Amino acid sequence: MGTGKRFFHSTIYPVGMIKQLFTNLLAASAKRAIRRDKPFIIAITGSYGKSSTKEAIAIALGTREAGSGVRATRKNYNNEFGVPFTVLNVPAPGKDPLKWLRILLRAVWVGWGFGHVNARMLVLEMGADRPGDLNWLVRMAPPDISVITAVAEAHSEFFGTLDDVAVEKATLVRRLKKGGVVVLNNDDPRVTAMRKETECEAHYFGFSEGSDVRVVTTEPSVITDAHGHFLPQGIQLRLEIDEREERVLLKGTIGRPQAASAAAALALAKQLHVPVRQAIERLEKDYHGIAGRTRVIPGIKYTTIIDDTYNAASPATVISAICDLAALPLLGTQRKIAVIGEMRELGEYSEEAHRAVGLEVAAKGIAYLVTVGEGGRLIAAAAREGGMDTMQIKEFDTSPEAGIYLQGYIQTGDVLLAKGSQGSRMEKVVKELMAEPLEAPFLLVRMDDEWQRMG
């Protein structure tokens, strides 16, 4: 996380010193501005699901409506630079020195009282690559409400054990403002255990009994095309809120994680006295998932792509996506194809995690498996061990190779899931297969100039 070293390169001063000076100035400015203007702060963290939950919360609170006064983290800018960027309302500068200079001037201007935060409410996504990252962020922006989505093996090479990850995520619970509220995922025992970390009010969301907003069922929303095939369009949720049944249709995205994000948003909106029906209508109108998170994209040859290529930081997220693919109803000759890249930053869990994914693909009866990278070979081997025929599996070193191969292999009606770690660059597979490749800059992750220069 953080900004790369090229901008900070100096022959006089060490890179780390320059970066720390920038970080300290941004943090001090954001902290001073928050203390002075007192915006209401909602902080979201978790091993996965942060960005989708942040987006759902912001929409449920009306951020898309003029004059709402709600500002949310752009994209997934959730680190020591991204959080102050949101507070100070400035775009990410990339590697442009002039843009960095403007940001520093803006930081001084707002932080030292010449400008203002200009938001009554901030919805801040907070990420952690290493122990202590969240403590830095909450000192800058102490939360009134904290939302915890999950604890999983993401970035385990820096944390060691899952308990270490949980301790880091619980920082947002321990550092709540007096009288604050915590909103917890009721499906994750390590998250619900965080209730003990605070005397503040706690509320729960999820699929489990006892959730304040409970997802009772999820069903794919499909249409039938001219070829007689089912095409996934979204997901229909049946929720239980205050002992009342509510239905929510999320368009353009599928999957249990999206259902959990919507439930979290409604649980939080309830605490802020937003009428449930109004929050649901906002989600149905404006929440279509975000780039690279189980977004439905039309593919060539009248196929459908489930684009989950943003990351695969945890085997739990990959297995969840495979289960969502397996649950889709299909007709006739339609096939389900899993295109999976390796998972990175898993440390000692890596081999076990990749094997678990391969076994899940085999167990769920997926018609065809395409893997990318060294970790992908572990997935393929485990799928064979799980009973999948060798003829149903294809392995590649890179994502472009996989995409070009699939152009010739797929047939009308196929539904493909594409997923992998950032480093696997699985969005390149989606770009090769999407029906409207000119839409890639608007629909896919990592399409900006900086990522494209990286290859």
Foldseek 3Di string as FASTA:
>chain_A
DDADQPLQDDPPDDSVVSSVVLLVLLLLLLLLQCVVVVAAEEEEEELDLLQLLLVLQCLLQPVVDPPSLEFEQPDQLAFSPRQSCRQLVHDDPHNDPVSSVVVSVSSCCSSVPNDHSSGNYYYGYHYDLAAPRVVSVCSSPPHLEYEYEYQFLFLCLRQVDSVSSLVRSLVNVLRHDVQGEYEFEPVYVSGVVSVVNDPHHYAYEECDPPHQKHFPDKDFDWDADPVRKTDTFFIWTWIAHPNDTDIATAGQFDFRSSVRSNRSSLRVCVVVVRPSVSSRVSRNVPPNDAAQCQGWFQWPQREIERRNAAFPRHLVSLLRVLVRQLRHDIDDPEFEEEEEEAHDSSPPCRLVSLLVNLLSNLVSPHQAYEYEAPSRVSSVVSVVVNPDDPVRYHYYHAQLVVLVVVVVVDHHRYYYYFYHHVVRVNVNSVLSIGPDNVCCVVRHPQPDPVSVVVD
